[in-house]
Amino acid sequence: MAGIEPSVKNIENPQKVKKYSSSLRFWHWANATVITGSLLTVLVNSTVLSGWPTLMFIQDQLKKSGTTLTEQQGRSIVGGLRDRVWDYHIYFGYCLAALLLFRFIAEFFQLTDQKLISNIKTAYRKFKGGKDKLIARHELIVKSLYAAFYLVLIIMAVTGLTLAFGDDVPAIKKLHFIKEIHGFCMYLVLAFIVVHIAGVYLAERKDSKGIVSDMINGGGDK
């Protein structure tokens, strides 16, 4: 992990560091890309390749060119297309698991005030003993949501990998609840994305301008 930096120093002033480390920024945008790709595969298979409508479309298009297609043949084609999309979904899952591992390793190289656990502890202390309870509570809730998001990603990655290797382990096929948990985690991730985007939008309009640019260039010096 040569790309992980123990600190992110300002070249002009070595005593100061960026708000967000390069490893955290890389993980954030790479993770966003992978999750988006994974969700798109689910969307494609649940809409464009949803089954009967797709089968009818293929039959109609082939009929116009003078080719007939039986229902069984059409189902085989649709099934093959869906399987191909799910292959990409699995690839995205591998990337998600790798990025999670990268994130946990990077956490050990972060500065103390950049570590999630330290931030949660600091927010909790401010909430318990600070004067401005409202701001402290907001900070604690935000940090706790991030921790919950990581937990959901872990569960999603573990269940996804379990399903991916299920064909090689017959006993896994009997554990139907794994697929249900994996699917439920997807909805939790969607909920977090909505809350996250809404929170960033509101913060940008109020007193926390520059959040998006900070996550791109590292933010102001601490």
C-alpha atoms as a PDB file:
ATOM      1  CA  MET A   1       0.000   0.000   0.000  1.00  0.00           C
ATOM      2  CA  ALA A   2       2.591   2.511  -1.069  1.00  0.00           C
ATOM      3  CA  GLY A   3      -0.128   4.989  -1.973  1.00  0.00           C
ATOM      4  CA  ILE A   4      -1.315   5.318   1.621  1.00  0.00           C
ATOM      5  CA  GLU A   5       0.216   8.317   3.305  1.00  0.00           C
ATOM      6  CA  PRO A   6       0.610   8.549   7.095  1.00  0.00           C
ATOM      7  CA  SER A   7       0.091  12.282   6.832  1.00  0.00           C
ATOM      8  CA  VAL A   8      -0.827  14.830   4.203  1.00  0.00           C
ATOM      9  CA  LYS A   9       1.461  17.763   4.709  1.00  0.00           C
ATOM     10  CA  ASN A  10       1.147  21.147   3.122  1.00  0.00           C
ATOM     11  CA  ILE A  11       4.274  21.750   1.027  1.00  0.00           C
ATOM     12  CA  GLU A  12       4.461  25.434   1.949  1.00  0.00           C
ATOM     13  CA  ASN A  13       3.848  24.768   5.631  1.00  0.00           C
ATOM     14  CA  PRO A  14       4.859  21.237   6.731  1.00  0.00           C
ATOM     15  CA  GLN A  15       3.194  21.744  10.120  1.00  0.00           C
ATOM     16  CA  LYS A  16      -0.253  21.829   8.554  1.00  0.00           C
ATOM     17  CA  VAL A  17      -2.175  18.987   6.970  1.00  0.00           C
ATOM     18  CA  LYS A  18      -5.077  18.688   4.605  1.00  0.00           C
ATOM     19  CA  LYS A  19      -8.572  18.144   5.967  1.00  0.00           C
ATOM     20  CA  TYR A  20      -8.985  14.909   3.982  1.00  0.00           C
ATOM     21  CA  SER A  21      -6.062  12.616   3.175  1.00  0.00           C
ATOM     22  CA  SER A  22      -5.418  11.452  -0.382  1.00  0.00           C
ATOM     23  CA  SER A  23      -6.203   7.849   0.562  1.00  0.00           C
ATOM     24  CA  LEU A  24      -9.589   8.838   1.999  1.00  0.00           C
ATOM     25  CA  ARG A  25     -10.434  10.929  -1.051  1.00  0.00           C
ATOM     26  CA  PHE A  26      -9.449   8.107  -3.387  1.00  0.00           C
ATOM     27  CA  TRP A  27     -11.580   5.648  -1.431  1.00  0.00           C
ATOM     28  CA  HIS A  28     -14.560   8.003  -1.364  1.00  0.00           C
ATOM     29  CA  TRP A  29     -14.751   8.555  -5.123  1.00  0.00           C
ATOM     30  CA  ALA A  30     -13.731   5.012  -6.081  1.00  0.00           C
ATOM     31  CA  ASN A  31     -16.315   3.616  -3.680  1.00  0.00           C
ATOM     32  CA  ALA A  32     -18.983   5.949  -5.073  1.00  0.00           C
ATOM     33  CA  THR A  33     -18.151   4.784  -8.611  1.00  0.00           C
ATOM     34  CA  VAL A  34     -18.266   1.090  -7.698  1.00  0.00           C
ATOM     35  CA  ILE A  35     -21.535   1.384  -5.772  1.00  0.00           C
ATOM     36  CA  THR A  36     -23.101   3.343  -8.638  1.00  0.00           C
ATOM     37  CA  GLY A  37     -22.026   0.685 -11.125  1.00  0.00           C
ATOM     38  CA  SER A  38     -23.329  -2.092  -8.902  1.00  0.00           C
ATOM     39  CA  LEU A  39     -26.700  -0.404  -8.456  1.00  0.00           C
ATOM     40  CA  LEU A  40     -26.943   0.202 -12.207  1.00  0.00           C
ATOM     41  CA  THR A  41     -26.591  -3.522 -12.884  1.00  0.00           C
ATOM     42  CA  VAL A  42     -29.487  -4.179 -10.514  1.00  0.00           C
ATOM     43  CA  LEU A  43     -31.512  -1.468 -12.238  1.00  0.00           C
ATOM     44  CA  VAL A  44     -30.825  -2.884 -15.702  1.00  0.00           C
ATOM     45  CA  ASN A  45     -31.823  -6.420 -14.741  1.00  0.00           C
ATOM     46  CA  SER A  46     -34.952  -5.267 -12.928  1.00  0.00           C
ATOM     47  CA  THR A  47     -36.146  -2.991 -15.750  1.00  0.00           C
ATOM     48  CA  VAL A  48     -34.570  -3.385 -19.196  1.00  0.00           C
ATOM     49  CA  LEU A  49     -34.069  -7.145 -18.788  1.00  0.00           C
ATOM     50  CA  SER A  50     -37.053  -7.756 -16.539  1.00  0.00           C
ATOM     51  CA  GLY A  51     -38.195 -10.917 -18.331  1.00  0.00           C
ATOM     52  CA  TRP A  52     -41.440 -11.094 -20.300  1.00  0.00           C
ATOM     53  CA  PRO A  53     -41.381  -7.514 -21.712  1.00  0.00           C
ATOM     54  CA  THR A  54     -37.822  -8.059 -22.925  1.00  0.00           C
ATOM     55  CA  LEU A  55     -38.768 -11.424 -24.410  1.00  0.00           C
ATOM     56  CA  MET A  56     -41.666  -9.861 -26.322  1.00  0.00           C
ATOM     57  CA  PHE A  57     -39.423  -7.055 -27.575  1.00  0.00           C
ATOM     58  CA  ILE A  58     -36.820  -9.498 -28.899  1.00  0.00           C
ATOM     59  CA  GLN A  59     -39.477 -11.626 -30.583  1.00  0.00           C
ATOM     60  CA  ASP A  60     -41.077  -8.570 -32.208  1.00  0.00           C
ATOM     61  CA  GLN A  61     -37.755  -7.253 -33.502  1.00  0.00           C
ATOM     62  CA  LEU A  62     -36.759 -10.609 -34.957  1.00  0.00           C
ATOM     63  CA  LYS A  63     -40.213 -11.048 -36.452  1.00  0.00           C
ATOM     64  CA  LYS A  64     -39.776  -7.807 -38.391  1.00  0.00           C
ATOM     65  CA  SER A  65     -36.646  -9.234 -39.974  1.00  0.00           C
ATOM     66  CA  GLY A  66     -38.434 -12.452 -40.873  1.00  0.00           C
ATOM     67  CA  THR A  67     -36.970 -14.579 -38.087  1.00  0.00           C
ATOM     68  CA  THR A  68     -39.151 -16.536 -35.715  1.00  0.00           C
ATOM     69  CA  LEU A  69     -38.158 -17.238 -32.145  1.00  0.00           C
ATOM     70  CA  THR A  70     -39.824 -19.664 -29.783  1.00  0.00           C
ATOM     71  CA  GLU A  71     -40.600 -18.650 -26.232  1.00  0.00           C
ATOM     72  CA  GLN A  72     -38.004 -21.072 -24.898  1.00  0.00           C
ATOM     73  CA  GLN A  73     -35.319 -19.664 -27.189  1.00  0.00           C
ATOM     74  CA  GLY A  74     -36.270 -16.137 -26.198  1.00  0.00           C
ATOM     75  CA  ARG A  75     -36.086 -16.969 -22.517  1.00  0.00           C
ATOM     76  CA  SER A  76     -32.631 -18.449 -23.039  1.00  0.00           C
ATOM     77  CA  ILE A  77     -31.455 -15.239 -24.704  1.00  0.00           C
ATOM     78  CA  VAL A  78     -32.908 -13.024 -21.979  1.00  0.00           C
ATOM     79  CA  GLY A  79     -31.453 -15.291 -19.315  1.00  0.00           C
ATOM     80  CA  GLY A  80     -28.040 -15.096 -20.953  1.00  0.00           C
ATOM     81  CA  LEU A  81     -28.194 -11.299 -21.045  1.00  0.00           C
ATOM     82  CA  ARG A  82     -29.226 -11.146 -17.393  1.00  0.00           C
ATOM     83  CA  ASP A  83     -26.410 -13.503 -16.425  1.00  0.00           C
ATOM     84  CA  ARG A  84     -23.954 -11.289 -18.289  1.00  0.00           C
ATOM     85  CA  VAL A  85     -25.128  -8.236 -16.358  1.00  0.00           C
ATOM     86  CA  TRP A  86     -24.895 -10.152 -13.080  1.00  0.00           C
ATOM     87  CA  ASP A  87     -21.303 -11.012 -13.969  1.00  0.00           C
ATOM     88  CA  TYR A  88     -20.554  -7.290 -13.982  1.00  0.00           C
ATOM     89  CA  HIS A  89     -22.417  -6.995 -10.683  1.00  0.00           C
ATOM     90  CA  ILE A  90     -20.087  -9.611  -9.208  1.00  0.00           C
ATOM     91  CA  TYR A  91     -17.030  -7.777 -10.541  1.00  0.00           C
ATOM     92  CA  PHE A  92     -18.237  -4.601  -8.865  1.00  0.00           C
ATOM     93  CA  GLY A  93     -18.686  -6.639  -5.690  1.00  0.00           C
ATOM     94  CA  TYR A  94     -15.067  -7.756  -5.806  1.00  0.00           C
ATOM     95  CA  CYS A  95     -14.008  -4.131  -6.215  1.00  0.00           C
ATOM     96  CA  LEU A  96     -16.195  -3.103  -3.279  1.00  0.00           C
ATOM     97  CA  ALA A  97     -14.604  -5.738  -1.043  1.00  0.00           C
ATOM     98  CA  ALA A  98     -11.114  -4.652  -2.132  1.00  0.00           C
ATOM     99  CA  LEU A  99     -11.927  -1.001  -1.450  1.00  0.00           C
ATOM    100  CA  LEU A 100     -13.231  -1.861   2.011  1.00  0.00           C
ATOM    101  CA  LEU A 101      -9.979  -3.637   2.784  1.00  0.00           C
ATOM    102  CA  PHE A 102      -8.083  -0.614   1.483  1.00  0.00           C
ATOM    103  CA  ARG A 103     -10.173   1.688   3.682  1.00  0.00           C
ATOM    104  CA  PHE A 104      -9.496  -0.307   6.849  1.00  0.00           C
ATOM    105  CA  ILE A 105      -5.766  -0.436   6.153  1.00  0.00           C
ATOM    106  CA  ALA A 106      -5.731   3.284   5.360  1.00  0.00           C
ATOM    107  CA  GLU A 107      -7.440   4.018   8.678  1.00  0.00           C
ATOM    108  CA  PHE A 108      -4.319   2.908  10.540  1.00  0.00           C
ATOM    109  CA  PHE A 109      -2.213   5.403   8.587  1.00  0.00           C
ATOM    110  CA  GLN A 110      -4.538   8.348   9.093  1.00  0.00           C
ATOM    111  CA  LEU A 111      -3.697  11.127  11.505  1.00  0.00           C
ATOM    112  CA  THR A 112      -5.544  10.880  14.805  1.00  0.00           C
ATOM    113  CA  ASP A 113      -8.006  13.650  13.987  1.00  0.00           C
ATOM    114  CA  GLN A 114      -8.707  12.061  10.595  1.00  0.00           C
ATOM    115  CA  LYS A 115      -9.652   8.645  11.963  1.00  0.00           C
ATOM    116  CA  LEU A 116     -13.353   7.827  12.088  1.00  0.00           C
ATOM    117  CA  ILE A 117     -13.265   6.251  15.546  1.00  0.00           C
ATOM    118  CA  SER A 118     -11.385   9.231  16.964  1.00  0.00           C
ATOM    119  CA  ASN A 119     -13.879  11.603  15.370  1.00  0.00           C
ATOM    120  CA  ILE A 120     -16.794   9.689  16.884  1.00  0.00           C
ATOM    121  CA  LYS A 121     -15.181   9.775  20.330  1.00  0.00           C
ATOM    122  CA  THR A 122     -14.476  13.492  20.000  1.00  0.00           C
ATOM    123  CA  ALA A 123     -18.035  14.188  18.880  1.00  0.00           C
ATOM    124  CA  TYR A 124     -19.383  12.169  21.811  1.00  0.00           C
ATOM    125  CA  ARG A 125     -17.224  14.055  24.323  1.00  0.00           C
ATOM    126  CA  LYS A 126     -18.393  17.372  22.890  1.00  0.00           C
ATOM    127  CA  PHE A 127     -21.984  16.217  23.089  1.00  0.00           C
ATOM    128  CA  LYS A 128     -21.666  15.111  26.713  1.00  0.00           C
ATOM    129  CA  GLY A 129     -19.606  17.996  28.021  1.00  0.00           C
ATOM    130  CA  GLY A 130     -19.787  20.750  25.448  1.00  0.00           C
ATOM    131  CA  LYS A 131     -21.868  23.885  25.618  1.00  0.00           C
ATOM    132  CA  ASP A 132     -23.358  23.835  22.133  1.00  0.00           C
ATOM    133  CA  LYS A 133     -25.354  20.616  22.350  1.00  0.00           C
ATOM    134  CA  LEU A 134     -27.126  21.122  19.023  1.00  0.00           C
ATOM    135  CA  ILE A 135     -23.953  21.280  16.925  1.00  0.00           C
ATOM    136  CA  ALA A 136     -22.327  18.484  18.920  1.00  0.00           C
ATOM    137  CA  ARG A 137     -25.374  16.253  18.489  1.00  0.00           C
ATOM    138  CA  HIS A 138     -25.418  16.885  14.741  1.00  0.00           C
ATOM    139  CA  GLU A 139     -21.737  15.989  14.458  1.00  0.00           C
ATOM    140  CA  LEU A 140     -22.225  12.833  16.516  1.00  0.00           C
ATOM    141  CA  ILE A 141     -25.183  11.723  14.384  1.00  0.00           C
ATOM    142  CA  VAL A 142     -23.261  12.320  11.143  1.00  0.00           C
ATOM    143  CA  LYS A 143     -20.203  10.376  12.319  1.00  0.00           C
ATOM    144  CA  SER A 144     -22.401   7.564  13.634  1.00  0.00           C
ATOM    145  CA  LEU A 145     -24.170   7.350  10.272  1.00  0.00           C
ATOM    146  CA  TYR A 146     -20.806   6.925   8.572  1.00  0.00           C
ATOM    147  CA  ALA A 147     -19.948   4.100  10.971  1.00  0.00           C
ATOM    148  CA  ALA A 148     -23.310   2.460  10.258  1.00  0.00           C
ATOM    149  CA  PHE A 149     -22.670   2.849   6.525  1.00  0.00           C
ATOM    150  CA  TYR A 150     -19.349   1.036   6.846  1.00  0.00           C
ATOM    151  CA  LEU A 151     -21.089  -1.762   8.733  1.00  0.00           C
ATOM    152  CA  VAL A 152     -23.712  -2.095   5.997  1.00  0.00           C
ATOM    153  CA  LEU A 153     -20.983  -2.195   3.340  1.00  0.00           C
ATOM    154  CA  ILE A 154     -19.196  -4.950   5.250  1.00  0.00           C
ATOM    155  CA  ILE A 155     -22.384  -7.019   5.464  1.00  0.00           C
ATOM    156  CA  MET A 156     -23.110  -6.391   1.792  1.00  0.00           C
ATOM    157  CA  ALA A 157     -19.590  -7.394   0.756  1.00  0.00           C
ATOM    158  CA  VAL A 158     -19.571 -10.544   2.902  1.00  0.00           C
ATOM    159  CA  THR A 159     -23.013 -11.707   1.768  1.00  0.00           C
ATOM    160  CA  GLY A 160     -22.189 -10.822  -1.834  1.00  0.00           C
ATOM    161  CA  LEU A 161     -18.962 -12.827  -1.798  1.00  0.00           C
ATOM    162  CA  THR A 162     -20.820 -15.694  -0.153  1.00  0.00           C
ATOM    163  CA  LEU A 163     -23.397 -15.688  -2.947  1.00  0.00           C
ATOM    164  CA  ALA A 164     -20.694 -15.363  -5.611  1.00  0.00           C
ATOM    165  CA  PHE A 165     -18.977 -18.523  -4.401  1.00  0.00           C
ATOM    166  CA  GLY A 166     -22.244 -20.279  -3.603  1.00  0.00           C
ATOM    167  CA  ASP A 167     -22.038 -22.502  -6.688  1.00  0.00           C
ATOM    168  CA  ASP A 168     -18.846 -24.046  -5.329  1.00  0.00           C
ATOM    169  CA  VAL A 169     -20.320 -24.678  -1.875  1.00  0.00           C
ATOM    170  CA  PRO A 170     -23.640 -26.589  -2.023  1.00  0.00           C
ATOM    171  CA  ALA A 171     -24.464 -25.800   1.612  1.00  0.00           C
ATOM    172  CA  ILE A 172     -24.571 -22.067   0.839  1.00  0.00           C
ATOM    173  CA  LYS A 173     -27.379 -22.560  -1.683  1.00  0.00           C
ATOM    174  CA  LYS A 174     -29.643 -23.654   1.156  1.00  0.00           C
ATOM    175  CA  LEU A 175     -29.057 -20.418   3.067  1.00  0.00           C
ATOM    176  CA  HIS A 176     -31.680 -18.328   1.280  1.00  0.00           C
ATOM    177  CA  PHE A 177     -31.585 -15.622   3.940  1.00  0.00           C
ATOM    178  CA  ILE A 178     -28.138 -14.536   2.709  1.00  0.00           C
ATOM    179  CA  LYS A 179     -29.630 -13.271  -0.545  1.00  0.00           C
ATOM    180  CA  GLU A 180     -32.388 -11.501   1.376  1.00  0.00           C
ATOM    181  CA  ILE A 181     -29.880  -9.793   3.656  1.00  0.00           C
ATOM    182  CA  HIS A 182     -27.795  -8.764   0.641  1.00  0.00           C
ATOM    183  CA  GLY A 183     -30.839  -7.276  -1.052  1.00  0.00           C
ATOM    184  CA  PHE A 184     -31.943  -5.474   2.114  1.00  0.00           C
ATOM    185  CA  CYS A 185     -28.491  -3.911   2.463  1.00  0.00           C
ATOM    186  CA  MET A 186     -28.904  -2.488  -1.028  1.00  0.00           C
ATOM    187  CA  TYR A 187     -31.941  -0.513   0.138  1.00  0.00           C
ATOM    188  CA  LEU A 188     -30.009   0.727   3.168  1.00  0.00           C
ATOM    189  CA  VAL A 189     -27.210   1.908   0.877  1.00  0.00           C
ATOM    190  CA  LEU A 190     -29.741   3.693  -1.324  1.00  0.00           C
ATOM    191  CA  ALA A 191     -31.215   5.381   1.752  1.00  0.00           C
ATOM    192  CA  PHE A 192     -27.759   6.495   2.883  1.00  0.00           C
ATOM    193  CA  ILE A 193     -26.963   7.893  -0.570  1.00  0.00           C
ATOM    194  CA  VAL A 194     -30.146   9.972  -0.525  1.00  0.00           C
ATOM    195  CA  VAL A 195     -29.466  11.244   3.003  1.00  0.00           C
ATOM    196  CA  HIS A 196     -25.804  11.908   2.199  1.00  0.00           C
ATOM    197  CA  ILE A 197     -26.509  13.893  -0.966  1.00  0.00           C
ATOM    198  CA  ALA A 198     -29.302  15.834   0.730  1.00  0.00           C
ATOM    199  CA  GLY A 199     -27.049  16.585   3.705  1.00  0.00           C
ATOM    200  CA  VAL A 200     -24.204  17.804   1.500  1.00  0.00           C
ATOM    201  CA  TYR A 201     -26.596  19.951  -0.530  1.00  0.00           C
ATOM    202  CA  LEU A 202     -28.067  21.582   2.581  1.00  0.00           C
ATOM    203  CA  ALA A 203     -24.640  22.084   4.148  1.00  0.00           C
ATOM    204  CA  GLU A 204     -23.328  23.713   0.969  1.00  0.00           C
ATOM    205  CA  ARG A 205     -26.218  26.169   1.064  1.00  0.00           C
ATOM    206  CA  LYS A 206     -25.646  27.050   4.722  1.00  0.00           C
ATOM    207  CA  ASP A 207     -22.436  27.318   6.714  1.00  0.00           C
ATOM    208  CA  SER A 208     -20.333  24.452   5.330  1.00  0.00           C
ATOM    209  CA  LYS A 209     -19.600  25.553   1.793  1.00  0.00           C
ATOM    210  CA  GLY A 210     -16.951  23.725  -0.191  1.00  0.00           C
ATOM    211  CA  ILE A 211     -17.594  20.184   1.069  1.00  0.00           C
ATOM    212  CA  VAL A 212     -17.501  18.660  -2.410  1.00  0.00           C
ATOM    213  CA  SER A 213     -14.382  20.558  -3.472  1.00  0.00           C
ATOM    214  CA  ASP A 214     -12.721  19.627  -0.164  1.00  0.00           C
ATOM    215  CA  MET A 215     -13.289  15.961  -0.955  1.00  0.00           C
ATOM    216  CA  ILE A 216     -11.585  16.545  -4.310  1.00  0.00           C
ATOM    217  CA  ASN A 217      -8.579  18.686  -3.381  1.00  0.00           C
ATOM    218  CA  GLY A 218      -8.234  17.783   0.287  1.00  0.00           C
ATOM    219  CA  GLY A 219      -9.770  20.878   1.813  1.00  0.00           C
ATOM    220  CA  GLY A 220      -8.223  23.662   3.814  1.00  0.00           C
ATOM    221  CA  ASP A 221      -5.243  23.162   6.055  1.00  0.00           C
ATOM    222  CA  LYS A 222      -5.862  22.154   9.626  1.00  0.00           C
END
